[in-house]
Amino acid sequence: MANMIRKSFLLLFSAFLFYIFSKLSYRLNADFGSLSIFILIMTAVIAAAIWIALQLDKRLAARRFHILIKAIVNSLILLFFIYQLFTPYFYTDKYLQNAGLEQIETYYQLSNKELTDQERSRMAESSLVEDMAFATLSTNHDPKQRFIDVKPMDLQRSYYHYDMIVEWKQKNAQTNVYQYTFAREKGKFKIKGITQLEAEE
């Protein structure tokens, strides 16, 4: 049992460090130049993660309750990865609906011509995932529709994201049904995709 806990600790802690590096490099928009350099860096990162895990394992081995400590760390890391993979399942339907509606309202405010560039950038980055926000800002592809009433119709969770079907009415009395996909980024749910399902006069 002790040996299994130790091996699990080394594997999980190494994977956790590698995951943190991957997230940081993505947020910093790290450019590795070529595939060979990328593979070399990833190999070095994996080796460094394993080395750090081994060093920590040695330090913990000198403590009295090192098996219990490793078991607790293993449980916490497992919970962390489960949360990353199944984030929407940790929240109620009501919370996800409110979070989604808030981001939808923020997104459609981008069509306001009185916004400054700084305000548009802040609102886009607040309501859209990074790639979508960049595309929206760089192409000036702002939403053209204006709605007066929004009604959530359905919500479906799927691993790390969720889809919300929304019916909303435009100022011209047209009714539209859209599917919005949300994913958690930088501590909040943001719009990852938008699909129009139907439109009715």
C-alpha atoms as a PDB file:
ATOM      1  CA  MET A   1       0.000   0.000   0.000  1.00  0.00           C
ATOM      2  CA  ALA A   2       2.789   2.430   0.943  1.00  0.00           C
ATOM      3  CA  ASN A   3       4.631   1.720  -2.312  1.00  0.00           C
ATOM      4  CA  MET A   4       1.458   2.283  -4.360  1.00  0.00           C
ATOM      5  CA  ILE A   5       0.806   5.603  -2.596  1.00  0.00           C
ATOM      6  CA  ARG A   6       4.402   6.668  -3.272  1.00  0.00           C
ATOM      7  CA  LYS A   7       4.215   5.808  -6.983  1.00  0.00           C
ATOM      8  CA  SER A   8       0.872   7.563  -7.272  1.00  0.00           C
ATOM      9  CA  PHE A   9       2.346  10.609  -5.558  1.00  0.00           C
ATOM     10  CA  LEU A  10       5.274  10.770  -7.996  1.00  0.00           C
ATOM     11  CA  LEU A  11       2.995  10.381 -11.010  1.00  0.00           C
ATOM     12  CA  LEU A  12       0.298  12.812  -9.892  1.00  0.00           C
ATOM     13  CA  PHE A  13       2.651  15.502  -8.611  1.00  0.00           C
ATOM     14  CA  SER A  14       4.721  15.354 -11.820  1.00  0.00           C
ATOM     15  CA  ALA A  15       1.542  15.602 -13.906  1.00  0.00           C
ATOM     16  CA  PHE A  16       0.361  18.538 -11.781  1.00  0.00           C
ATOM     17  CA  LEU A  17       3.616  20.453 -12.339  1.00  0.00           C
ATOM     18  CA  PHE A  18       3.502  19.758 -16.073  1.00  0.00           C
ATOM     19  CA  TYR A  19      -0.104  20.971 -16.209  1.00  0.00           C
ATOM     20  CA  ILE A  20       0.802  24.207 -14.414  1.00  0.00           C
ATOM     21  CA  PHE A  21       3.660  24.829 -16.868  1.00  0.00           C
ATOM     22  CA  SER A  22       1.348  24.191 -19.836  1.00  0.00           C
ATOM     23  CA  LYS A  23      -1.203  26.668 -18.494  1.00  0.00           C
ATOM     24  CA  LEU A  24       1.426  29.331 -17.843  1.00  0.00           C
ATOM     25  CA  SER A  25       3.013  28.961 -21.283  1.00  0.00           C
ATOM     26  CA  TYR A  26      -0.434  29.264 -22.892  1.00  0.00           C
ATOM     27  CA  ARG A  27      -1.337  32.395 -20.923  1.00  0.00           C
ATOM     28  CA  LEU A  28       2.027  33.965 -21.739  1.00  0.00           C
ATOM     29  CA  ASN A  29       1.575  33.052 -25.421  1.00  0.00           C
ATOM     30  CA  ALA A  30       4.929  31.295 -25.413  1.00  0.00           C
ATOM     31  CA  ASP A  31       6.355  30.798 -28.909  1.00  0.00           C
ATOM     32  CA  PHE A  32       8.659  27.771 -29.126  1.00  0.00           C
ATOM     33  CA  GLY A  33       9.697  28.526 -32.701  1.00  0.00           C
ATOM     34  CA  SER A  34       9.687  25.018 -34.134  1.00  0.00           C
ATOM     35  CA  LEU A  35       8.411  21.533 -33.383  1.00  0.00           C
ATOM     36  CA  SER A  36      11.874  20.248 -32.461  1.00  0.00           C
ATOM     37  CA  ILE A  37      12.372  23.028 -29.913  1.00  0.00           C
ATOM     38  CA  PHE A  38       8.883  22.406 -28.541  1.00  0.00           C
ATOM     39  CA  ILE A  39       9.609  18.680 -28.086  1.00  0.00           C
ATOM     40  CA  LEU A  40      12.953  19.482 -26.457  1.00  0.00           C
ATOM     41  CA  ILE A  41      11.383  21.934 -24.020  1.00  0.00           C
ATOM     42  CA  MET A  42       8.513  19.575 -23.171  1.00  0.00           C
ATOM     43  CA  THR A  43      10.997  16.762 -22.522  1.00  0.00           C
ATOM     44  CA  ALA A  44      13.013  19.043 -20.244  1.00  0.00           C
ATOM     45  CA  VAL A  45       9.858  20.134 -18.408  1.00  0.00           C
ATOM     46  CA  ILE A  46       8.758  16.528 -17.855  1.00  0.00           C
ATOM     47  CA  ALA A  47      12.231  15.613 -16.587  1.00  0.00           C
ATOM     48  CA  ALA A  48      12.247  18.640 -14.269  1.00  0.00           C
ATOM     49  CA  ALA A  49       8.772  17.787 -12.957  1.00  0.00           C
ATOM     50  CA  ILE A  50       9.819  14.211 -12.176  1.00  0.00           C
ATOM     51  CA  TRP A  51      13.020  15.433 -10.488  1.00  0.00           C
ATOM     52  CA  ILE A  52      11.097  17.899  -8.303  1.00  0.00           C
ATOM     53  CA  ALA A  53       8.605  15.176  -7.374  1.00  0.00           C
ATOM     54  CA  LEU A  54      11.463  12.829  -6.405  1.00  0.00           C
ATOM     55  CA  GLN A  55      13.129  15.513  -4.286  1.00  0.00           C
ATOM     56  CA  LEU A  56       9.874  16.262  -2.508  1.00  0.00           C
ATOM     57  CA  ASP A  57       9.321  12.539  -1.982  1.00  0.00           C
ATOM     58  CA  LYS A  58      12.730  12.264  -0.297  1.00  0.00           C
ATOM     59  CA  ARG A  59      11.997  15.186   1.999  1.00  0.00           C
ATOM     60  CA  LEU A  60       8.598  13.821   2.964  1.00  0.00           C
ATOM     61  CA  ALA A  61      10.068  10.354   3.621  1.00  0.00           C
ATOM     62  CA  ALA A  62      11.895  11.797   6.630  1.00  0.00           C
ATOM     63  CA  ARG A  63       8.629  12.867   8.231  1.00  0.00           C
ATOM     64  CA  ARG A  64       6.638  10.702  10.592  1.00  0.00           C
ATOM     65  CA  PHE A  65       3.328  10.681   8.728  1.00  0.00           C
ATOM     66  CA  HIS A  66       4.741  10.867   5.200  1.00  0.00           C
ATOM     67  CA  ILE A  67       2.386   8.165   3.876  1.00  0.00           C
ATOM     68  CA  LEU A  68      -0.666  10.038   5.159  1.00  0.00           C
ATOM     69  CA  ILE A  69       0.654  13.325   3.768  1.00  0.00           C
ATOM     70  CA  LYS A  70       1.217  11.770   0.337  1.00  0.00           C
ATOM     71  CA  ALA A  71      -2.237  10.181   0.390  1.00  0.00           C
ATOM     72  CA  ILE A  72      -3.807  13.571   1.156  1.00  0.00           C
ATOM     73  CA  VAL A  73      -1.777  15.272  -1.593  1.00  0.00           C
ATOM     74  CA  ASN A  74      -2.803  12.531  -4.033  1.00  0.00           C
ATOM     75  CA  SER A  75      -6.462  13.072  -3.166  1.00  0.00           C
ATOM     76  CA  LEU A  76      -6.198  16.839  -3.583  1.00  0.00           C
ATOM     77  CA  ILE A  77      -4.455  16.567  -6.962  1.00  0.00           C
ATOM     78  CA  LEU A  78      -7.022  14.029  -8.160  1.00  0.00           C
ATOM     79  CA  LEU A  79      -9.816  16.373  -7.072  1.00  0.00           C
ATOM     80  CA  PHE A  80      -8.070  19.216  -8.895  1.00  0.00           C
ATOM     81  CA  PHE A  81      -7.910  17.277 -12.173  1.00  0.00           C
ATOM     82  CA  ILE A  82     -11.493  16.064 -11.799  1.00  0.00           C
ATOM     83  CA  TYR A  83     -12.562  19.688 -11.343  1.00  0.00           C
ATOM     84  CA  GLN A  84     -10.639  20.734 -14.465  1.00  0.00           C
ATOM     85  CA  LEU A  85     -12.225  17.963 -16.549  1.00  0.00           C
ATOM     86  CA  PHE A  86     -15.778  18.258 -15.210  1.00  0.00           C
ATOM     87  CA  THR A  87     -16.003  21.881 -14.059  1.00  0.00           C
ATOM     88  CA  PRO A  88     -19.709  22.536 -14.850  1.00  0.00           C
ATOM     89  CA  TYR A  89     -20.784  19.540 -12.755  1.00  0.00           C
ATOM     90  CA  PHE A  90     -19.578  21.341  -9.626  1.00  0.00           C
ATOM     91  CA  TYR A  91     -22.142  24.131 -10.115  1.00  0.00           C
ATOM     92  CA  THR A  92     -25.941  24.251 -10.005  1.00  0.00           C
ATOM     93  CA  ASP A  93     -28.080  24.927 -13.072  1.00  0.00           C
ATOM     94  CA  LYS A  94     -29.115  28.264 -11.584  1.00  0.00           C
ATOM     95  CA  TYR A  95     -25.516  29.388 -11.145  1.00  0.00           C
ATOM     96  CA  LEU A  96     -24.558  28.360 -14.687  1.00  0.00           C
ATOM     97  CA  GLN A  97     -27.615  30.083 -16.159  1.00  0.00           C
ATOM     98  CA  ASN A  98     -26.929  33.336 -14.319  1.00  0.00           C
ATOM     99  CA  ALA A  99     -23.233  33.241 -15.238  1.00  0.00           C
ATOM    100  CA  GLY A 100     -24.108  32.568 -18.870  1.00  0.00           C
ATOM    101  CA  LEU A 101     -26.729  35.306 -19.112  1.00  0.00           C
ATOM    102  CA  GLU A 102     -24.335  37.811 -17.575  1.00  0.00           C
ATOM    103  CA  GLN A 103     -21.688  37.012 -20.182  1.00  0.00           C
ATOM    104  CA  ILE A 104     -24.219  37.132 -23.018  1.00  0.00           C
ATOM    105  CA  GLU A 105     -25.371  40.596 -21.946  1.00  0.00           C
ATOM    106  CA  THR A 106     -21.764  41.771 -21.674  1.00  0.00           C
ATOM    107  CA  TYR A 107     -20.920  40.371 -25.112  1.00  0.00           C
ATOM    108  CA  TYR A 108     -23.798  42.141 -26.862  1.00  0.00           C
ATOM    109  CA  GLN A 109     -22.798  45.444 -25.311  1.00  0.00           C
ATOM    110  CA  LEU A 110     -19.802  45.364 -27.670  1.00  0.00           C
ATOM    111  CA  SER A 111     -22.123  46.713 -30.375  1.00  0.00           C
ATOM    112  CA  ASN A 112     -22.315  50.018 -28.483  1.00  0.00           C
ATOM    113  CA  LYS A 113     -20.489  52.516 -30.713  1.00  0.00           C
ATOM    114  CA  GLU A 114     -19.838  54.845 -27.781  1.00  0.00           C
ATOM    115  CA  LEU A 115     -17.399  52.402 -26.162  1.00  0.00           C
ATOM    116  CA  THR A 116     -13.718  53.294 -26.199  1.00  0.00           C
ATOM    117  CA  ASP A 117     -11.163  50.772 -27.479  1.00  0.00           C
ATOM    118  CA  GLN A 118     -10.091  50.069 -23.897  1.00  0.00           C
ATOM    119  CA  GLU A 119     -13.679  49.431 -22.805  1.00  0.00           C
ATOM    120  CA  ARG A 120     -14.329  47.137 -25.774  1.00  0.00           C
ATOM    121  CA  SER A 121     -11.159  45.206 -25.074  1.00  0.00           C
ATOM    122  CA  ARG A 122     -11.996  44.821 -21.391  1.00  0.00           C
ATOM    123  CA  MET A 123     -15.555  43.678 -22.089  1.00  0.00           C
ATOM    124  CA  ALA A 124     -14.508  41.235 -24.819  1.00  0.00           C
ATOM    125  CA  GLU A 125     -11.815  39.676 -22.642  1.00  0.00           C
ATOM    126  CA  SER A 126     -14.272  39.472 -19.751  1.00  0.00           C
ATOM    127  CA  SER A 127     -17.047  37.705 -21.677  1.00  0.00           C
ATOM    128  CA  LEU A 128     -15.180  35.641 -24.306  1.00  0.00           C
ATOM    129  CA  VAL A 129     -12.450  33.012 -24.077  1.00  0.00           C
ATOM    130  CA  GLU A 130      -9.037  34.294 -25.097  1.00  0.00           C
ATOM    131  CA  ASP A 131      -9.002  33.054 -28.709  1.00  0.00           C
ATOM    132  CA  MET A 132     -12.522  34.292 -29.406  1.00  0.00           C
ATOM    133  CA  ALA A 133     -11.856  37.661 -27.768  1.00  0.00           C
ATOM    134  CA  PHE A 134      -8.718  38.134 -29.875  1.00  0.00           C
ATOM    135  CA  ALA A 135     -10.580  37.282 -33.088  1.00  0.00           C
ATOM    136  CA  THR A 136     -13.466  39.607 -32.206  1.00  0.00           C
ATOM    137  CA  LEU A 137     -11.201  42.548 -31.383  1.00  0.00           C
ATOM    138  CA  SER A 138      -8.786  42.084 -34.290  1.00  0.00           C
ATOM    139  CA  THR A 139     -11.549  41.824 -36.914  1.00  0.00           C
ATOM    140  CA  ASN A 140     -13.962  44.302 -35.292  1.00  0.00           C
ATOM    141  CA  HIS A 141     -16.607  41.604 -35.587  1.00  0.00           C
ATOM    142  CA  ASP A 142     -19.054  42.993 -33.054  1.00  0.00           C
ATOM    143  CA  PRO A 143     -22.549  41.538 -32.550  1.00  0.00           C
ATOM    144  CA  LYS A 144     -25.112  43.418 -34.624  1.00  0.00           C
ATOM    145  CA  GLN A 145     -28.262  42.217 -32.909  1.00  0.00           C
ATOM    146  CA  ARG A 146     -30.015  44.094 -30.146  1.00  0.00           C
ATOM    147  CA  PHE A 147     -32.320  42.119 -27.868  1.00  0.00           C
ATOM    148  CA  ILE A 148     -34.992  43.203 -25.403  1.00  0.00           C
ATOM    149  CA  ASP A 149     -35.808  39.918 -23.665  1.00  0.00           C
ATOM    150  CA  VAL A 150     -33.723  36.822 -22.916  1.00  0.00           C
ATOM    151  CA  LYS A 151     -35.062  33.462 -21.751  1.00  0.00           C
ATOM    152  CA  PRO A 152     -32.931  30.354 -21.004  1.00  0.00           C
ATOM    153  CA  MET A 153     -34.534  27.234 -22.501  1.00  0.00           C
ATOM    154  CA  ASP A 154     -32.125  24.377 -21.817  1.00  0.00           C
ATOM    155  CA  LEU A 155     -28.721  23.669 -20.300  1.00  0.00           C
ATOM    156  CA  GLN A 156     -26.452  20.696 -20.992  1.00  0.00           C
ATOM    157  CA  ARG A 157     -23.132  19.925 -19.304  1.00  0.00           C
ATOM    158  CA  SER A 158     -20.364  18.216 -21.274  1.00  0.00           C
ATOM    159  CA  TYR A 159     -17.033  17.579 -19.547  1.00  0.00           C
ATOM    160  CA  TYR A 160     -15.280  20.933 -19.014  1.00  0.00           C
ATOM    161  CA  HIS A 161     -17.868  23.108 -20.789  1.00  0.00           C
ATOM    162  CA  TYR A 162     -21.616  23.518 -20.959  1.00  0.00           C
ATOM    163  CA  ASP A 163     -24.142  24.538 -23.614  1.00  0.00           C
ATOM    164  CA  MET A 164     -27.067  26.830 -22.929  1.00  0.00           C
ATOM    165  CA  ILE A 165     -29.992  27.233 -25.320  1.00  0.00           C
ATOM    166  CA  VAL A 166     -31.355  30.769 -25.140  1.00  0.00           C
ATOM    167  CA  GLU A 167     -34.375  32.388 -26.753  1.00  0.00           C
ATOM    168  CA  TRP A 168     -34.276  36.118 -27.127  1.00  0.00           C
ATOM    169  CA  LYS A 169     -36.337  38.746 -28.868  1.00  0.00           C
ATOM    170  CA  GLN A 170     -34.858  41.526 -30.932  1.00  0.00           C
ATOM    171  CA  LYS A 171     -36.154  45.072 -31.029  1.00  0.00           C
ATOM    172  CA  ASN A 172     -37.735  44.319 -34.405  1.00  0.00           C
ATOM    173  CA  ALA A 173     -39.895  41.659 -32.664  1.00  0.00           C
ATOM    174  CA  GLN A 174     -38.007  38.778 -34.275  1.00  0.00           C
ATOM    175  CA  THR A 175     -37.420  35.778 -32.006  1.00  0.00           C
ATOM    176  CA  ASN A 176     -34.054  33.991 -32.169  1.00  0.00           C
ATOM    177  CA  VAL A 177     -32.841  30.779 -30.585  1.00  0.00           C
ATOM    178  CA  TYR A 178     -29.109  30.480 -29.992  1.00  0.00           C
ATOM    179  CA  GLN A 179     -26.828  27.910 -28.451  1.00  0.00           C
ATOM    180  CA  TYR A 180     -23.995  29.380 -26.397  1.00  0.00           C
ATOM    181  CA  THR A 181     -21.063  27.248 -25.301  1.00  0.00           C
ATOM    182  CA  PHE A 182     -19.252  28.280 -22.114  1.00  0.00           C
ATOM    183  CA  ALA A 183     -15.890  27.191 -20.729  1.00  0.00           C
ATOM    184  CA  ARG A 184     -14.118  28.283 -17.565  1.00  0.00           C
ATOM    185  CA  GLU A 185     -11.083  30.489 -18.128  1.00  0.00           C
ATOM    186  CA  LYS A 186      -9.153  32.539 -15.581  1.00  0.00           C
ATOM    187  CA  GLY A 187     -11.619  31.781 -12.817  1.00  0.00           C
ATOM    188  CA  LYS A 188     -14.905  32.470 -14.627  1.00  0.00           C
ATOM    189  CA  PHE A 189     -17.154  30.995 -17.297  1.00  0.00           C
ATOM    190  CA  LYS A 190     -16.829  32.703 -20.674  1.00  0.00           C
ATOM    191  CA  ILE A 191     -18.426  32.302 -24.082  1.00  0.00           C
ATOM    192  CA  LYS A 192     -16.543  29.796 -26.225  1.00  0.00           C
ATOM    193  CA  GLY A 193     -18.945  29.422 -29.135  1.00  0.00           C
ATOM    194  CA  ILE A 194     -22.206  30.793 -30.550  1.00  0.00           C
ATOM    195  CA  THR A 195     -24.564  28.952 -32.905  1.00  0.00           C
ATOM    196  CA  GLN A 196     -27.892  30.243 -34.201  1.00  0.00           C
ATOM    197  CA  LEU A 197     -30.427  27.410 -34.111  1.00  0.00           C
ATOM    198  CA  GLU A 198     -33.521  29.125 -35.491  1.00  0.00           C
ATOM    199  CA  ALA A 199     -35.155  32.458 -36.144  1.00  0.00           C
ATOM    200  CA  GLU A 200     -38.854  33.218 -36.199  1.00  0.00           C
ATOM    201  CA  GLU A 201     -40.731  36.309 -37.259  1.00  0.00           C
END
